[in-house]
Amino acid sequence: MRDAITTDRLILRRWRHADRLPFQAMNADPRVMEFFPAPLSPEESDALVDRARSHFDRHGFGPFAAELLENHSFVGFIGLSIPNFEAPFTPAVEIGWRLAFDSWGRGLATEGARAVIDNAFGELGLDSLVSFTAPANLRSRRVMEKLGMTYDSHDDFDHPRLPEGHPLRRHMLYRLCR
């Protein structure tokens, strides 16, 4: 299990207590949370950090905290997780990311995700990864496409954590095989 991965511009590492406040601010930003049911409270954000930390402990991988190499500022997360709901494609390992608004449009999600994919298919020995989002989330879909992930409309699904009729319930599934 790796505790950190370094790219040209990022350090992807295990979570620290100091990440909690910037992560809370990021998760409270309606721009960042546009394709989620709602912005998160500080307590909900902290619970995500706790789940990320325990995911690493249980599985040997998880969503890494992401910081800029140049100034060590926290910019979000990029990493792997096992979805905690049932869907036609589960069990699976998901690659995902969420970055602070000020970090958008710089290729950081793609750069970090490529390093995570190399680790997943190399050191971790995984055979495939999935990623998913609401159809309107064009930015994340573009990252998935840049990563070489493939989309098949037959894999679209209703997210079981969102109620019937919710505008974000329908999701698109992307896949990547080793």
C-alpha atoms as a PDB file:
ATOM      1  CA  MET A   1       0.000   0.000   0.000  1.00  0.00           C
ATOM      2  CA  ARG A   2       1.286   3.415  -0.940  1.00  0.00           C
ATOM      3  CA  ASP A   3       0.935   6.355   1.381  1.00  0.00           C
ATOM      4  CA  ALA A   4       1.664   8.862  -1.386  1.00  0.00           C
ATOM      5  CA  ILE A   5       2.000   9.289  -5.144  1.00  0.00           C
ATOM      6  CA  THR A   6       3.793  12.280  -6.648  1.00  0.00           C
ATOM      7  CA  THR A   7       3.109  13.672 -10.115  1.00  0.00           C
ATOM      8  CA  ASP A   8       4.635  16.684 -11.873  1.00  0.00           C
ATOM      9  CA  ARG A   9       2.371  19.063  -9.952  1.00  0.00           C
ATOM     10  CA  LEU A  10       0.622  17.062  -7.229  1.00  0.00           C
ATOM     11  CA  ILE A  11       1.226  15.074  -4.101  1.00  0.00           C
ATOM     12  CA  LEU A  12      -1.521  12.505  -3.562  1.00  0.00           C
ATOM     13  CA  ARG A  13      -1.266  11.372   0.041  1.00  0.00           C
ATOM     14  CA  ARG A  14      -3.071  10.052   3.087  1.00  0.00           C
ATOM     15  CA  TRP A  15      -5.384  12.510   4.837  1.00  0.00           C
ATOM     16  CA  ARG A  16      -4.203  14.799   7.643  1.00  0.00           C
ATOM     17  CA  HIS A  17      -6.163  16.638  10.285  1.00  0.00           C
ATOM     18  CA  ALA A  18      -5.145  19.939   8.645  1.00  0.00           C
ATOM     19  CA  ASP A  19      -7.083  18.906   5.502  1.00  0.00           C
ATOM     20  CA  ARG A  20     -10.423  19.091   7.278  1.00  0.00           C
ATOM     21  CA  LEU A  21     -11.005  22.864   7.129  1.00  0.00           C
ATOM     22  CA  PRO A  22     -10.115  23.354   3.452  1.00  0.00           C
ATOM     23  CA  PHE A  23     -12.129  20.221   2.619  1.00  0.00           C
ATOM     24  CA  GLN A  24     -15.118  21.637   4.520  1.00  0.00           C
ATOM     25  CA  ALA A  25     -14.852  24.896   2.570  1.00  0.00           C
ATOM     26  CA  MET A  26     -14.606  23.026  -0.723  1.00  0.00           C
ATOM     27  CA  ASN A  27     -17.632  20.829   0.053  1.00  0.00           C
ATOM     28  CA  ALA A  28     -19.666  23.890   1.059  1.00  0.00           C
ATOM     29  CA  ASP A  29     -19.024  25.538  -2.335  1.00  0.00           C
ATOM     30  CA  PRO A  30     -22.149  25.194  -4.510  1.00  0.00           C
ATOM     31  CA  ARG A  31     -19.996  25.263  -7.665  1.00  0.00           C
ATOM     32  CA  VAL A  32     -18.013  22.224  -6.504  1.00  0.00           C
ATOM     33  CA  MET A  33     -21.160  20.436  -5.334  1.00  0.00           C
ATOM     34  CA  GLU A  34     -23.299  21.260  -8.380  1.00  0.00           C
ATOM     35  CA  PHE A  35     -23.739  17.591  -9.335  1.00  0.00           C
ATOM     36  CA  PHE A  36     -24.327  16.320  -5.809  1.00  0.00           C
ATOM     37  CA  PRO A  37     -27.624  16.496  -3.923  1.00  0.00           C
ATOM     38  CA  ALA A  38     -26.449  19.417  -1.767  1.00  0.00           C
ATOM     39  CA  PRO A  39     -23.353  21.108  -0.350  1.00  0.00           C
ATOM     40  CA  LEU A  40     -22.043  19.359   2.753  1.00  0.00           C
ATOM     41  CA  SER A  41     -22.092  20.561   6.317  1.00  0.00           C
ATOM     42  CA  PRO A  42     -18.755  20.618   8.175  1.00  0.00           C
ATOM     43  CA  GLU A  43     -19.808  17.431   9.987  1.00  0.00           C
ATOM     44  CA  GLU A  44     -20.689  15.658   6.725  1.00  0.00           C
ATOM     45  CA  SER A  45     -17.377  16.740   5.226  1.00  0.00           C
ATOM     46  CA  ASP A  46     -15.453  15.470   8.263  1.00  0.00           C
ATOM     47  CA  ALA A  47     -17.313  12.152   8.002  1.00  0.00           C
ATOM     48  CA  LEU A  48     -16.037  11.827   4.413  1.00  0.00           C
ATOM     49  CA  VAL A  49     -12.464  12.305   5.633  1.00  0.00           C
ATOM     50  CA  ASP A  50     -13.024   9.636   8.283  1.00  0.00           C
ATOM     51  CA  ARG A  51     -14.440   7.238   5.669  1.00  0.00           C
ATOM     52  CA  ALA A  52     -11.494   7.912   3.339  1.00  0.00           C
ATOM     53  CA  ARG A  53      -9.022   7.158   6.117  1.00  0.00           C
ATOM     54  CA  SER A  54     -10.782   3.946   7.123  1.00  0.00           C
ATOM     55  CA  HIS A  55     -11.077   2.882   3.460  1.00  0.00           C
ATOM     56  CA  PHE A  56      -7.250   2.984   3.238  1.00  0.00           C
ATOM     57  CA  ASP A  57      -6.993   0.953   6.446  1.00  0.00           C
ATOM     58  CA  ARG A  58      -9.495  -1.689   5.261  1.00  0.00           C
ATOM     59  CA  HIS A  59      -8.562  -2.017   1.587  1.00  0.00           C
ATOM     60  CA  GLY A  60      -5.005  -0.719   1.182  1.00  0.00           C
ATOM     61  CA  PHE A  61      -6.168   2.046  -1.160  1.00  0.00           C
ATOM     62  CA  GLY A  62      -8.596   4.936  -1.093  1.00  0.00           C
ATOM     63  CA  PRO A  63      -9.212   8.525  -2.072  1.00  0.00           C
ATOM     64  CA  PHE A  64      -5.963  10.438  -1.602  1.00  0.00           C
ATOM     65  CA  ALA A  65      -5.898  13.999  -0.346  1.00  0.00           C
ATOM     66  CA  ALA A  66      -4.419  16.088  -3.168  1.00  0.00           C
ATOM     67  CA  GLU A  67      -2.037  18.986  -2.615  1.00  0.00           C
ATOM     68  CA  LEU A  68      -0.060  21.140  -4.980  1.00  0.00           C
ATOM     69  CA  LEU A  69       3.618  20.276  -5.073  1.00  0.00           C
ATOM     70  CA  GLU A  70       4.633  23.937  -5.521  1.00  0.00           C
ATOM     71  CA  ASN A  71       3.123  25.270  -2.274  1.00  0.00           C
ATOM     72  CA  HIS A  72       1.615  22.232  -0.490  1.00  0.00           C
ATOM     73  CA  SER A  73      -1.886  23.729  -0.525  1.00  0.00           C
ATOM     74  CA  PHE A  74      -4.782  21.279  -0.282  1.00  0.00           C
ATOM     75  CA  VAL A  75      -6.811  21.168  -3.518  1.00  0.00           C
ATOM     76  CA  GLY A  76      -9.185  18.212  -3.023  1.00  0.00           C
ATOM     77  CA  PHE A  77      -9.041  14.464  -3.506  1.00  0.00           C
ATOM     78  CA  ILE A  78      -8.245  11.965  -6.242  1.00  0.00           C
ATOM     79  CA  GLY A  79      -8.296   8.237  -5.740  1.00  0.00           C
ATOM     80  CA  LEU A  80     -10.040   4.909  -5.525  1.00  0.00           C
ATOM     81  CA  SER A  81     -12.973   3.620  -3.522  1.00  0.00           C
ATOM     82  CA  ILE A  82     -15.342   0.705  -3.424  1.00  0.00           C
ATOM     83  CA  PRO A  83     -18.906   1.971  -3.970  1.00  0.00           C
ATOM     84  CA  ASN A  84     -21.014   1.346  -0.869  1.00  0.00           C
ATOM     85  CA  PHE A  85     -24.251   0.709  -2.745  1.00  0.00           C
ATOM     86  CA  GLU A  86     -25.581  -2.005  -5.022  1.00  0.00           C
ATOM     87  CA  ALA A  87     -25.856  -1.397  -8.747  1.00  0.00           C
ATOM     88  CA  PRO A  88     -25.643  -3.577 -11.858  1.00  0.00           C
ATOM     89  CA  PHE A  89     -21.868  -2.947 -12.086  1.00  0.00           C
ATOM     90  CA  THR A  90     -20.980  -3.629  -8.429  1.00  0.00           C
ATOM     91  CA  PRO A  91     -18.808  -4.909  -6.889  1.00  0.00           C
ATOM     92  CA  ALA A  92     -16.278  -2.608  -8.504  1.00  0.00           C
ATOM     93  CA  VAL A  93     -13.504  -0.149  -7.749  1.00  0.00           C
ATOM     94  CA  GLU A  94     -14.295   3.453  -8.608  1.00  0.00           C
ATOM     95  CA  ILE A  95     -11.823   6.151  -9.532  1.00  0.00           C
ATOM     96  CA  GLY A  96     -13.025   9.597  -8.550  1.00  0.00           C
ATOM     97  CA  TRP A  97     -11.971  13.156  -7.844  1.00  0.00           C
ATOM     98  CA  ARG A  98     -13.253  16.385  -6.396  1.00  0.00           C
ATOM     99  CA  LEU A  99     -11.201  19.543  -6.606  1.00  0.00           C
ATOM    100  CA  ALA A 100     -11.626  23.018  -5.186  1.00  0.00           C
ATOM    101  CA  PHE A 101     -13.057  25.477  -7.716  1.00  0.00           C
ATOM    102  CA  ASP A 102      -9.804  27.478  -7.892  1.00  0.00           C
ATOM    103  CA  SER A 103      -8.037  24.333  -9.153  1.00  0.00           C
ATOM    104  CA  TRP A 104     -10.386  23.622 -12.056  1.00  0.00           C
ATOM    105  CA  GLY A 105      -9.347  23.887 -15.686  1.00  0.00           C
ATOM    106  CA  ARG A 106      -5.669  23.131 -15.105  1.00  0.00           C
ATOM    107  CA  GLY A 107      -5.639  19.404 -15.875  1.00  0.00           C
ATOM    108  CA  LEU A 108      -4.975  18.461 -12.253  1.00  0.00           C
ATOM    109  CA  ALA A 109      -7.777  15.874 -12.024  1.00  0.00           C
ATOM    110  CA  THR A 110      -6.540  14.160 -15.184  1.00  0.00           C
ATOM    111  CA  GLU A 111      -2.896  14.274 -14.059  1.00  0.00           C
ATOM    112  CA  GLY A 112      -3.662  12.853 -10.635  1.00  0.00           C
ATOM    113  CA  ALA A 113      -6.095  10.247 -11.945  1.00  0.00           C
ATOM    114  CA  ARG A 114      -3.524   8.973 -14.465  1.00  0.00           C
ATOM    115  CA  ALA A 115      -1.082   8.364 -11.615  1.00  0.00           C
ATOM    116  CA  VAL A 116      -3.794   6.607  -9.584  1.00  0.00           C
ATOM    117  CA  ILE A 117      -4.651   4.413 -12.600  1.00  0.00           C
ATOM    118  CA  ASP A 118      -0.978   3.465 -13.036  1.00  0.00           C
ATOM    119  CA  ASN A 119      -0.874   2.464  -9.356  1.00  0.00           C
ATOM    120  CA  ALA A 120      -4.207   0.598  -9.574  1.00  0.00           C
ATOM    121  CA  PHE A 121      -3.193  -1.488 -12.585  1.00  0.00           C
ATOM    122  CA  GLY A 122       0.434  -1.831 -11.506  1.00  0.00           C
ATOM    123  CA  GLU A 123       1.112  -2.150  -7.804  1.00  0.00           C
ATOM    124  CA  LEU A 124      -2.478  -2.978  -6.778  1.00  0.00           C
ATOM    125  CA  GLY A 125      -3.005  -5.446  -9.625  1.00  0.00           C
ATOM    126  CA  LEU A 126      -6.576  -4.376 -10.362  1.00  0.00           C
ATOM    127  CA  ASP A 127      -8.101  -5.422 -13.685  1.00  0.00           C
ATOM    128  CA  SER A 128     -10.674  -2.662 -14.143  1.00  0.00           C
ATOM    129  CA  LEU A 129     -11.993   0.620 -12.797  1.00  0.00           C
ATOM    130  CA  VAL A 130     -15.288   2.452 -13.122  1.00  0.00           C
ATOM    131  CA  SER A 131     -16.303   6.073 -12.776  1.00  0.00           C
ATOM    132  CA  PHE A 132     -19.761   7.598 -12.899  1.00  0.00           C
ATOM    133  CA  THR A 133     -21.544  10.912 -12.821  1.00  0.00           C
ATOM    134  CA  ALA A 134     -24.747  12.665 -13.786  1.00  0.00           C
ATOM    135  CA  PRO A 135     -25.040  13.290 -17.557  1.00  0.00           C
ATOM    136  CA  ALA A 136     -24.892  17.074 -17.100  1.00  0.00           C
ATOM    137  CA  ASN A 137     -21.455  16.904 -15.419  1.00  0.00           C
ATOM    138  CA  LEU A 138     -19.532  17.560 -18.620  1.00  0.00           C
ATOM    139  CA  ARG A 139     -16.284  18.463 -16.812  1.00  0.00           C
ATOM    140  CA  SER A 140     -15.993  15.091 -15.069  1.00  0.00           C
ATOM    141  CA  ARG A 141     -17.103  13.230 -18.178  1.00  0.00           C
ATOM    142  CA  ARG A 142     -14.337  14.995 -20.120  1.00  0.00           C
ATOM    143  CA  VAL A 143     -11.760  13.836 -17.547  1.00  0.00           C
ATOM    144  CA  MET A 144     -13.065  10.263 -17.885  1.00  0.00           C
ATOM    145  CA  GLU A 145     -12.688  10.479 -21.656  1.00  0.00           C
ATOM    146  CA  LYS A 146      -9.154  11.932 -21.392  1.00  0.00           C
ATOM    147  CA  LEU A 147      -8.273   8.954 -19.182  1.00  0.00           C
ATOM    148  CA  GLY A 148      -9.353   6.597 -21.960  1.00  0.00           C
ATOM    149  CA  MET A 149     -12.447   5.393 -20.118  1.00  0.00           C
ATOM    150  CA  THR A 150     -15.256   4.091 -22.312  1.00  0.00           C
ATOM    151  CA  TYR A 151     -18.964   4.760 -22.094  1.00  0.00           C
ATOM    152  CA  ASP A 152     -21.836   2.505 -23.153  1.00  0.00           C
ATOM    153  CA  SER A 153     -25.383   3.836 -22.730  1.00  0.00           C
ATOM    154  CA  HIS A 154     -26.505   0.313 -21.754  1.00  0.00           C
ATOM    155  CA  ASP A 155     -24.583   0.828 -18.492  1.00  0.00           C
ATOM    156  CA  ASP A 156     -26.553   3.952 -17.456  1.00  0.00           C
ATOM    157  CA  PHE A 157     -28.146   3.471 -14.039  1.00  0.00           C
ATOM    158  CA  ASP A 158     -30.293   5.171 -11.442  1.00  0.00           C
ATOM    159  CA  HIS A 159     -28.154   6.017  -8.405  1.00  0.00           C
ATOM    160  CA  PRO A 160     -29.770   4.111  -5.527  1.00  0.00           C
ATOM    161  CA  ARG A 161     -28.872   6.803  -2.972  1.00  0.00           C
ATOM    162  CA  LEU A 162     -31.010   9.388  -4.763  1.00  0.00           C
ATOM    163  CA  PRO A 163     -34.811   9.292  -4.599  1.00  0.00           C
ATOM    164  CA  GLU A 164     -37.087   8.551  -7.534  1.00  0.00           C
ATOM    165  CA  GLY A 165     -37.594  11.716  -9.573  1.00  0.00           C
ATOM    166  CA  HIS A 166     -34.404  13.453  -8.334  1.00  0.00           C
ATOM    167  CA  PRO A 167     -32.842  15.390 -11.264  1.00  0.00           C
ATOM    168  CA  LEU A 168     -29.396  13.839 -10.585  1.00  0.00           C
ATOM    169  CA  ARG A 169     -30.593  10.245 -10.125  1.00  0.00           C
ATOM    170  CA  ARG A 170     -29.664   9.024 -13.627  1.00  0.00           C
ATOM    171  CA  HIS A 171     -25.936   8.335 -13.945  1.00  0.00           C
ATOM    172  CA  MET A 172     -23.558   7.472 -16.746  1.00  0.00           C
ATOM    173  CA  LEU A 173     -20.998   4.729 -16.120  1.00  0.00           C
ATOM    174  CA  TYR A 174     -17.519   4.792 -17.648  1.00  0.00           C
ATOM    175  CA  ARG A 175     -15.144   1.827 -17.584  1.00  0.00           C
ATOM    176  CA  LEU A 176     -11.415   1.312 -17.943  1.00  0.00           C
ATOM    177  CA  CYS A 177      -9.718  -2.083 -18.227  1.00  0.00           C
ATOM    178  CA  ARG A 178      -6.058  -2.838 -17.728  1.00  0.00           C
END
